[in-house]
Amino acid sequence: MFAGRKLLAATLASFGLMVASGCSDLHPSGSNHGKDAALKYEVVRFSKPIKIDANWDKPEWKKVKPVELKRFMGKQPEHFPKVQAKLAYDSDNLYVIWRVEDNYVRAQAKKHQDPVCWDSCVELFFMPGTPAEQGYFNLEMNCGGTMFFNFQLVPRQNEINLTPEEVAQVEVAHTMPKIVDPEIAKPTVWFVEYRMPVSLLNKYIPGAVKPAPGVQWRANMFKCGDRTSHPHWLTWAFVDRPKPDFHRPESFVPLVFK
């Protein structure tokens, strides 16, 4: 179904000219961050499904260590929100919750698979396993809970959007309204949380590695706001590109399931 799997390894080595991040094409150049070879995240296991309500402080999440997005792409942004994320899993699902201390908050995407990266947006890019030639997913979500969920074998060459029926299986909770327009310029803390059934991945990567103790995926996490009044492109793991570009699977680092 997905021709071109063998092209990815060569493509990753040859991608020298890329347009900018998730869906924009005019970003400033430059980066100030070095690599962190030891960077990884340990994903804890929940014993049973949890309620999806965007509550960062509920007992299950209090036991989970957050990551913080401290790097940026392009020139240093004037607005640098504090962005944290926590990940966990159970036998059937991956759980993600985001906490963002933000300004200039915007959400204009009207439906799933609209370009949410133009809004105040948090993004998880991941490979369910380690072989790069299997491809990767990007699950992007704006502050209003609207998502863009995509699969790619080769970055920007064969994008495949998950179907509306598949996207509907991702249970989402959010603390901001679906539409935030006009932009909120004052300090605002917002949260999004979701539960993603890992069974969704099998159609796109047959035999995708299911989370279990000892399993490793690879991932990177991002925050952007391409068309807010104060655009920025923040990253968790270092991305060695002169312009903001999140579609760099070679920058993904381990998610280690405990």
C-alpha atoms as a PDB file:
ATOM      1  CA  MET A   1       0.000   0.000   0.000  1.00  0.00           C
ATOM      2  CA  PHE A   2       2.786   2.425   0.823  1.00  0.00           C
ATOM      3  CA  ALA A   3       5.362   2.233  -1.933  1.00  0.00           C
ATOM      4  CA  GLY A   4       8.692   3.786  -1.292  1.00  0.00           C
ATOM      5  CA  ARG A   5       9.574   2.476   2.165  1.00  0.00           C
ATOM      6  CA  LYS A   6      13.122   1.777   1.013  1.00  0.00           C
ATOM      7  CA  LEU A   7      13.524   5.386  -0.095  1.00  0.00           C
ATOM      8  CA  LEU A   8      13.375   6.858   3.395  1.00  0.00           C
ATOM      9  CA  ALA A   9      16.882   6.100   4.652  1.00  0.00           C
ATOM     10  CA  ALA A  10      18.439   7.626   1.546  1.00  0.00           C
ATOM     11  CA  THR A  11      16.053  10.547   1.649  1.00  0.00           C
ATOM     12  CA  LEU A  12      16.918  11.375   5.240  1.00  0.00           C
ATOM     13  CA  ALA A  13      20.562  11.662   4.251  1.00  0.00           C
ATOM     14  CA  SER A  14      19.884  13.784   1.197  1.00  0.00           C
ATOM     15  CA  PHE A  15      17.273  16.236   2.502  1.00  0.00           C
ATOM     16  CA  GLY A  16      19.399  19.354   2.378  1.00  0.00           C
ATOM     17  CA  LEU A  17      16.792  21.850   1.210  1.00  0.00           C
ATOM     18  CA  MET A  18      13.536  21.792   3.134  1.00  0.00           C
ATOM     19  CA  VAL A  19      10.741  24.258   3.452  1.00  0.00           C
ATOM     20  CA  ALA A  20       9.910  25.384   6.947  1.00  0.00           C
ATOM     21  CA  SER A  21       8.038  23.757   9.822  1.00  0.00           C
ATOM     22  CA  GLY A  22       4.785  21.779   9.916  1.00  0.00           C
ATOM     23  CA  CYS A  23       2.963  23.741   7.234  1.00  0.00           C
ATOM     24  CA  SER A  24       4.613  27.126   6.746  1.00  0.00           C
ATOM     25  CA  ASP A  25       7.294  28.136   4.287  1.00  0.00           C
ATOM     26  CA  LEU A  26       8.675  31.493   5.396  1.00  0.00           C
ATOM     27  CA  HIS A  27      10.682  31.217   8.595  1.00  0.00           C
ATOM     28  CA  PRO A  28      13.889  32.933   9.774  1.00  0.00           C
ATOM     29  CA  SER A  29      17.146  30.997   9.732  1.00  0.00           C
ATOM     30  CA  GLY A  30      19.479  30.131  12.589  1.00  0.00           C
ATOM     31  CA  SER A  31      19.685  27.897  15.650  1.00  0.00           C
ATOM     32  CA  ASN A  32      21.549  28.107  18.932  1.00  0.00           C
ATOM     33  CA  HIS A  33      21.281  24.601  20.344  1.00  0.00           C
ATOM     34  CA  GLY A  34      23.722  21.725  20.624  1.00  0.00           C
ATOM     35  CA  LYS A  35      22.909  18.064  20.568  1.00  0.00           C
ATOM     36  CA  ASP A  36      22.094  16.015  23.661  1.00  0.00           C
ATOM     37  CA  ALA A  37      23.042  12.437  22.868  1.00  0.00           C
ATOM     38  CA  ALA A  38      21.589  11.166  26.155  1.00  0.00           C
ATOM     39  CA  LEU A  39      18.137  12.679  25.690  1.00  0.00           C
ATOM     40  CA  LYS A  40      15.264  10.217  26.080  1.00  0.00           C
ATOM     41  CA  TYR A  41      11.906   9.944  27.826  1.00  0.00           C
ATOM     42  CA  GLU A  42      10.694   7.051  29.956  1.00  0.00           C
ATOM     43  CA  VAL A  43       6.995   6.408  29.355  1.00  0.00           C
ATOM     44  CA  VAL A  44       5.277   4.995  32.435  1.00  0.00           C
ATOM     45  CA  ARG A  45       2.469   2.455  32.311  1.00  0.00           C
ATOM     46  CA  PHE A  46      -0.990   3.108  33.682  1.00  0.00           C
ATOM     47  CA  SER A  47      -2.630   0.074  35.240  1.00  0.00           C
ATOM     48  CA  LYS A  48      -6.020   0.997  33.765  1.00  0.00           C
ATOM     49  CA  PRO A  49      -7.538   3.608  31.449  1.00  0.00           C
ATOM     50  CA  ILE A  50      -7.797   7.118  32.863  1.00  0.00           C
ATOM     51  CA  LYS A  51     -10.384   9.839  32.414  1.00  0.00           C
ATOM     52  CA  ILE A  52      -9.520  12.294  29.629  1.00  0.00           C
ATOM     53  CA  ASP A  53     -10.379  15.700  31.077  1.00  0.00           C
ATOM     54  CA  ALA A  54      -7.274  17.912  30.518  1.00  0.00           C
ATOM     55  CA  ASN A  55      -6.534  17.864  34.260  1.00  0.00           C
ATOM     56  CA  TRP A  56      -2.762  18.106  34.619  1.00  0.00           C
ATOM     57  CA  ASP A  57      -3.034  17.660  38.390  1.00  0.00           C
ATOM     58  CA  LYS A  58      -5.091  14.477  38.572  1.00  0.00           C
ATOM     59  CA  PRO A  59      -3.471  11.711  40.633  1.00  0.00           C
ATOM     60  CA  GLU A  60      -2.353   9.571  37.695  1.00  0.00           C
ATOM     61  CA  TRP A  61      -0.391  12.381  36.048  1.00  0.00           C
ATOM     62  CA  LYS A  62       1.139  13.629  39.312  1.00  0.00           C
ATOM     63  CA  LYS A  63       3.351  10.543  39.308  1.00  0.00           C
ATOM     64  CA  VAL A  64       4.656  11.191  35.785  1.00  0.00           C
ATOM     65  CA  LYS A  65       7.725  13.288  35.052  1.00  0.00           C
ATOM     66  CA  PRO A  66       7.216  16.032  32.440  1.00  0.00           C
ATOM     67  CA  VAL A  67       9.475  17.053  29.600  1.00  0.00           C
ATOM     68  CA  GLU A  68       9.972  20.727  28.810  1.00  0.00           C
ATOM     69  CA  LEU A  69      10.587  22.206  25.368  1.00  0.00           C
ATOM     70  CA  LYS A  70      13.619  24.456  25.896  1.00  0.00           C
ATOM     71  CA  ARG A  71      15.090  24.626  22.400  1.00  0.00           C
ATOM     72  CA  PHE A  72      13.944  26.681  19.448  1.00  0.00           C
ATOM     73  CA  MET A  73      14.361  26.775  15.674  1.00  0.00           C
ATOM     74  CA  GLY A  74      14.983  29.902  13.656  1.00  0.00           C
ATOM     75  CA  LYS A  75      15.975  33.068  15.481  1.00  0.00           C
ATOM     76  CA  GLN A  76      15.291  33.265  19.209  1.00  0.00           C
ATOM     77  CA  PRO A  77      11.585  34.051  19.532  1.00  0.00           C
ATOM     78  CA  GLU A  78      10.396  37.197  21.232  1.00  0.00           C
ATOM     79  CA  HIS A  79       7.670  35.092  22.822  1.00  0.00           C
ATOM     80  CA  PHE A  80       8.959  31.849  24.338  1.00  0.00           C
ATOM     81  CA  PRO A  81       6.095  29.977  26.049  1.00  0.00           C
ATOM     82  CA  LYS A  82       6.830  27.432  28.752  1.00  0.00           C
ATOM     83  CA  VAL A  83       5.703  24.116  27.292  1.00  0.00           C
ATOM     84  CA  GLN A  84       5.574  20.812  29.175  1.00  0.00           C
ATOM     85  CA  ALA A  85       4.283  17.385  28.191  1.00  0.00           C
ATOM     86  CA  LYS A  86       3.725  14.044  29.900  1.00  0.00           C
ATOM     87  CA  LEU A  87       3.296  10.673  28.195  1.00  0.00           C
ATOM     88  CA  ALA A  88       1.994   7.358  29.506  1.00  0.00           C
ATOM     89  CA  TYR A  89       0.474   4.170  28.126  1.00  0.00           C
ATOM     90  CA  ASP A  90      -1.646   1.139  28.908  1.00  0.00           C
ATOM     91  CA  SER A  91      -2.185  -2.101  27.043  1.00  0.00           C
ATOM     92  CA  ASP A  92      -4.186  -0.397  24.276  1.00  0.00           C
ATOM     93  CA  ASN A  93      -3.483   3.339  24.309  1.00  0.00           C
ATOM     94  CA  LEU A  94      -0.926   6.097  24.337  1.00  0.00           C
ATOM     95  CA  TYR A  95      -1.784   9.039  26.634  1.00  0.00           C
ATOM     96  CA  VAL A  96      -0.437  12.565  26.177  1.00  0.00           C
ATOM     97  CA  ILE A  97      -1.102  15.736  28.158  1.00  0.00           C
ATOM     98  CA  TRP A  98       0.323  19.194  27.446  1.00  0.00           C
ATOM     99  CA  ARG A  99       0.604  22.253  29.678  1.00  0.00           C
ATOM    100  CA  VAL A 100       1.397  25.579  27.979  1.00  0.00           C
ATOM    101  CA  GLU A 101       2.071  28.916  29.690  1.00  0.00           C
ATOM    102  CA  ASP A 102       1.359  31.097  26.703  1.00  0.00           C
ATOM    103  CA  ASN A 103       0.542  34.546  25.364  1.00  0.00           C
ATOM    104  CA  TYR A 104      -0.904  35.469  21.977  1.00  0.00           C
ATOM    105  CA  VAL A 105      -3.190  32.435  21.963  1.00  0.00           C
ATOM    106  CA  ARG A 106      -5.096  31.717  18.765  1.00  0.00           C
ATOM    107  CA  ALA A 107      -7.252  28.894  17.372  1.00  0.00           C
ATOM    108  CA  GLN A 108      -8.943  29.310  13.991  1.00  0.00           C
ATOM    109  CA  ALA A 109      -8.882  25.785  12.529  1.00  0.00           C
ATOM    110  CA  LYS A 110     -12.507  24.747  12.150  1.00  0.00           C
ATOM    111  CA  LYS A 111     -12.179  20.993  11.743  1.00  0.00           C
ATOM    112  CA  HIS A 112      -9.737  18.122  12.139  1.00  0.00           C
ATOM    113  CA  GLN A 113      -7.063  17.936   9.434  1.00  0.00           C
ATOM    114  CA  ASP A 114      -7.126  21.703   8.947  1.00  0.00           C
ATOM    115  CA  PRO A 115      -3.663  23.355   9.299  1.00  0.00           C
ATOM    116  CA  VAL A 116      -3.630  23.609  13.082  1.00  0.00           C
ATOM    117  CA  CYS A 117       0.061  24.589  13.063  1.00  0.00           C
ATOM    118  CA  TRP A 118      -1.047  28.079  12.073  1.00  0.00           C
ATOM    119  CA  ASP A 119      -2.660  28.302  15.533  1.00  0.00           C
ATOM    120  CA  SER A 120      -1.273  27.904  19.061  1.00  0.00           C
ATOM    121  CA  CYS A 121      -0.293  24.288  18.582  1.00  0.00           C
ATOM    122  CA  VAL A 122       1.565  21.395  20.230  1.00  0.00           C
ATOM    123  CA  GLU A 123       2.864  18.464  18.219  1.00  0.00           C
ATOM    124  CA  LEU A 124       4.093  14.904  18.767  1.00  0.00           C
ATOM    125  CA  PHE A 125       6.053  13.309  15.923  1.00  0.00           C
ATOM    126  CA  PHE A 126       6.815   9.629  16.462  1.00  0.00           C
ATOM    127  CA  MET A 127       7.956   6.336  14.972  1.00  0.00           C
ATOM    128  CA  PRO A 128       6.289   3.283  16.583  1.00  0.00           C
ATOM    129  CA  GLY A 129       9.571   1.366  16.613  1.00  0.00           C
ATOM    130  CA  THR A 130      13.066   2.253  15.517  1.00  0.00           C
ATOM    131  CA  PRO A 131      13.458   1.360  11.791  1.00  0.00           C
ATOM    132  CA  ALA A 132      13.304   4.704   9.982  1.00  0.00           C
ATOM    133  CA  GLU A 133      12.127   3.132   6.737  1.00  0.00           C
ATOM    134  CA  GLN A 134       8.782   2.299   8.371  1.00  0.00           C
ATOM    135  CA  GLY A 135       7.795   5.960   8.365  1.00  0.00           C
ATOM    136  CA  TYR A 136       6.447   8.228  11.091  1.00  0.00           C
ATOM    137  CA  PHE A 137       3.294   9.936  12.367  1.00  0.00           C
ATOM    138  CA  ASN A 138       2.701  13.559  13.313  1.00  0.00           C
ATOM    139  CA  LEU A 139      -0.179  14.302  15.669  1.00  0.00           C
ATOM    140  CA  GLU A 140      -0.612  18.068  15.904  1.00  0.00           C
ATOM    141  CA  MET A 141      -3.225  19.696  18.129  1.00  0.00           C
ATOM    142  CA  ASN A 142      -4.172  23.311  18.669  1.00  0.00           C
ATOM    143  CA  CYS A 143      -5.273  24.766  21.985  1.00  0.00           C
ATOM    144  CA  GLY A 144      -8.934  24.191  21.043  1.00  0.00           C
ATOM    145  CA  GLY A 145      -8.487  20.441  20.636  1.00  0.00           C
ATOM    146  CA  THR A 146      -8.572  20.399  16.834  1.00  0.00           C
ATOM    147  CA  MET A 147      -5.997  17.980  15.396  1.00  0.00           C
ATOM    148  CA  PHE A 148      -4.024  17.186  12.308  1.00  0.00           C
ATOM    149  CA  PHE A 149      -3.023  13.486  12.272  1.00  0.00           C
ATOM    150  CA  ASN A 150      -0.797  12.374   9.436  1.00  0.00           C
ATOM    151  CA  PHE A 151       1.463   9.500   8.343  1.00  0.00           C
ATOM    152  CA  GLN A 152       4.516   9.827   6.105  1.00  0.00           C
ATOM    153  CA  LEU A 153       7.049   7.352   4.788  1.00  0.00           C
ATOM    154  CA  VAL A 154       9.284  10.038   3.300  1.00  0.00           C
ATOM    155  CA  PRO A 155       9.076  13.585   4.707  1.00  0.00           C
ATOM    156  CA  ARG A 156       6.836  15.819   2.566  1.00  0.00           C
ATOM    157  CA  GLN A 157       6.666  13.349  -0.305  1.00  0.00           C
ATOM    158  CA  ASN A 158       3.763  11.027   0.484  1.00  0.00           C
ATOM    159  CA  GLU A 159       1.615  12.552   3.202  1.00  0.00           C
ATOM    160  CA  ILE A 160      -1.388  10.441   4.164  1.00  0.00           C
ATOM    161  CA  ASN A 161      -4.040  11.948   6.428  1.00  0.00           C
ATOM    162  CA  LEU A 162      -5.778   9.569   8.764  1.00  0.00           C
ATOM    163  CA  THR A 163      -9.457   9.228   7.931  1.00  0.00           C
ATOM    164  CA  PRO A 164     -12.194  11.110   9.822  1.00  0.00           C
ATOM    165  CA  GLU A 165     -13.278   7.797  11.367  1.00  0.00           C
ATOM    166  CA  GLU A 166      -9.743   7.144  12.597  1.00  0.00           C
ATOM    167  CA  VAL A 167      -9.256  10.658  13.953  1.00  0.00           C
ATOM    168  CA  ALA A 168     -12.555  10.338  15.835  1.00  0.00           C
ATOM    169  CA  GLN A 169     -11.074   7.444  17.809  1.00  0.00           C
ATOM    170  CA  VAL A 170      -8.592   9.821  19.482  1.00  0.00           C
ATOM    171  CA  GLU A 171     -10.340  11.028  22.638  1.00  0.00           C
ATOM    172  CA  VAL A 172      -9.494  14.674  23.347  1.00  0.00           C
ATOM    173  CA  ALA A 173     -10.053  17.148  26.178  1.00  0.00           C
ATOM    174  CA  HIS A 174      -9.009  20.816  26.151  1.00  0.00           C
ATOM    175  CA  THR A 175      -9.400  23.874  28.347  1.00  0.00           C
ATOM    176  CA  MET A 176      -9.694  26.575  25.670  1.00  0.00           C
ATOM    177  CA  PRO A 177     -12.687  27.116  23.382  1.00  0.00           C
ATOM    178  CA  LYS A 178     -12.546  25.394  20.012  1.00  0.00           C
ATOM    179  CA  ILE A 179     -12.219  28.776  18.287  1.00  0.00           C
ATOM    180  CA  VAL A 180     -10.102  31.521  19.855  1.00  0.00           C
ATOM    181  CA  ASP A 181     -10.483  34.598  17.677  1.00  0.00           C
ATOM    182  CA  PRO A 182      -9.486  37.319  18.207  1.00  0.00           C
ATOM    183  CA  GLU A 183      -6.164  36.268  19.637  1.00  0.00           C
ATOM    184  CA  ILE A 184      -5.761  36.404  23.429  1.00  0.00           C
ATOM    185  CA  ALA A 185      -2.702  38.576  24.109  1.00  0.00           C
ATOM    186  CA  LYS A 186      -2.597  38.267  27.898  1.00  0.00           C
ATOM    187  CA  PRO A 187      -0.823  35.441  29.780  1.00  0.00           C
ATOM    188  CA  THR A 188      -2.889  32.256  29.467  1.00  0.00           C
ATOM    189  CA  VAL A 189      -2.272  28.714  30.658  1.00  0.00           C
ATOM    190  CA  TRP A 190      -3.908  26.058  28.516  1.00  0.00           C
ATOM    191  CA  PHE A 191      -4.026  22.274  28.471  1.00  0.00           C
ATOM    192  CA  VAL A 192      -4.854  19.562  25.969  1.00  0.00           C
ATOM    193  CA  GLU A 193      -4.982  15.842  26.734  1.00  0.00           C
ATOM    194  CA  TYR A 194      -5.669  12.872  24.498  1.00  0.00           C
ATOM    195  CA  ARG A 195      -5.861   9.103  24.410  1.00  0.00           C
ATOM    196  CA  MET A 196      -4.716   7.532  21.140  1.00  0.00           C
ATOM    197  CA  PRO A 197      -5.549   3.865  20.483  1.00  0.00           C
ATOM    198  CA  VAL A 198      -2.343   2.247  19.241  1.00  0.00           C
ATOM    199  CA  SER A 199      -4.435   0.001  16.989  1.00  0.00           C
ATOM    200  CA  LEU A 200      -4.791   3.020  14.647  1.00  0.00           C
ATOM    201  CA  LEU A 201      -1.154   2.625  13.635  1.00  0.00           C
ATOM    202  CA  ASN A 202      -1.360  -0.894  12.219  1.00  0.00           C
ATOM    203  CA  LYS A 203      -3.035   0.130   8.967  1.00  0.00           C
ATOM    204  CA  TYR A 204      -0.100   2.400   8.146  1.00  0.00           C
ATOM    205  CA  ILE A 205       2.736   0.350   9.621  1.00  0.00           C
ATOM    206  CA  PRO A 206       1.724  -3.316   9.588  1.00  0.00           C
ATOM    207  CA  GLY A 207       3.059  -4.930  12.727  1.00  0.00           C
ATOM    208  CA  ALA A 208       3.793  -1.565  14.391  1.00  0.00           C
ATOM    209  CA  VAL A 209       5.550  -2.140  17.680  1.00  0.00           C
ATOM    210  CA  LYS A 210       2.991  -1.956  20.472  1.00  0.00           C
ATOM    211  CA  PRO A 211       4.021  -0.203  23.704  1.00  0.00           C
ATOM    212  CA  ALA A 212       5.201  -2.690  26.338  1.00  0.00           C
ATOM    213  CA  PRO A 213       7.952  -2.784  28.964  1.00  0.00           C
ATOM    214  CA  GLY A 214      11.313  -2.581  27.220  1.00  0.00           C
ATOM    215  CA  VAL A 215       9.921  -1.402  23.870  1.00  0.00           C
ATOM    216  CA  GLN A 216      11.383   1.748  22.319  1.00  0.00           C
ATOM    217  CA  TRP A 217       9.805   4.193  19.927  1.00  0.00           C
ATOM    218  CA  ARG A 218      11.461   7.375  18.641  1.00  0.00           C
ATOM    219  CA  ALA A 219       9.933  10.850  18.814  1.00  0.00           C
ATOM    220  CA  ASN A 220      10.278  14.592  19.017  1.00  0.00           C
ATOM    221  CA  MET A 221       7.884  17.189  20.435  1.00  0.00           C
ATOM    222  CA  PHE A 222       7.180  20.699  19.262  1.00  0.00           C
ATOM    223  CA  LYS A 223       5.237  23.920  19.927  1.00  0.00           C
ATOM    224  CA  CYS A 224       4.468  26.422  17.215  1.00  0.00           C
ATOM    225  CA  GLY A 225       2.190  29.286  16.304  1.00  0.00           C
ATOM    226  CA  ASP A 226       2.921  29.968  12.657  1.00  0.00           C
ATOM    227  CA  ARG A 227       0.250  32.609  12.132  1.00  0.00           C
ATOM    228  CA  THR A 228      -0.079  34.048  15.606  1.00  0.00           C
ATOM    229  CA  SER A 229       1.136  37.606  16.160  1.00  0.00           C
ATOM    230  CA  HIS A 230       4.316  36.189  17.758  1.00  0.00           C
ATOM    231  CA  PRO A 231       5.350  33.095  15.765  1.00  0.00           C
ATOM    232  CA  HIS A 232       7.767  30.619  17.328  1.00  0.00           C
ATOM    233  CA  TRP A 233       9.045  27.087  16.724  1.00  0.00           C
ATOM    234  CA  LEU A 234      10.073  25.261  19.903  1.00  0.00           C
ATOM    235  CA  THR A 235      11.520  21.758  20.097  1.00  0.00           C
ATOM    236  CA  TRP A 236      12.272  19.118  22.704  1.00  0.00           C
ATOM    237  CA  ALA A 237      15.168  17.359  20.939  1.00  0.00           C
ATOM    238  CA  PHE A 238      17.729  19.314  18.944  1.00  0.00           C
ATOM    239  CA  VAL A 239      17.038  19.602  15.199  1.00  0.00           C
ATOM    240  CA  ASP A 240      20.127  20.424  13.168  1.00  0.00           C
ATOM    241  CA  ARG A 241      18.595  22.566  10.417  1.00  0.00           C
ATOM    242  CA  PRO A 242      19.172  26.246   9.547  1.00  0.00           C
ATOM    243  CA  LYS A 243      15.425  26.849   9.143  1.00  0.00           C
ATOM    244  CA  PRO A 244      12.532  25.589  11.275  1.00  0.00           C
ATOM    245  CA  ASP A 245      11.518  22.162  10.035  1.00  0.00           C
ATOM    246  CA  PHE A 246       9.800  19.618  12.265  1.00  0.00           C
ATOM    247  CA  HIS A 247       9.804  16.872   9.623  1.00  0.00           C
ATOM    248  CA  ARG A 248      13.281  15.574  10.487  1.00  0.00           C
ATOM    249  CA  PRO A 249      12.972  11.953  11.644  1.00  0.00           C
ATOM    250  CA  GLU A 250      16.723  11.772  12.127  1.00  0.00           C
ATOM    251  CA  SER A 251      16.237  14.149  15.077  1.00  0.00           C
ATOM    252  CA  PHE A 252      13.877  11.789  16.913  1.00  0.00           C
ATOM    253  CA  VAL A 253      15.118  10.424  20.233  1.00  0.00           C
ATOM    254  CA  PRO A 254      14.037   7.384  22.278  1.00  0.00           C
ATOM    255  CA  LEU A 255      10.707   6.952  24.011  1.00  0.00           C
ATOM    256  CA  VAL A 256      11.404   4.065  26.368  1.00  0.00           C
ATOM    257  CA  PHE A 257       8.339   2.244  27.662  1.00  0.00           C
ATOM    258  CA  LYS A 258       8.648   1.124  31.285  1.00  0.00           C
END
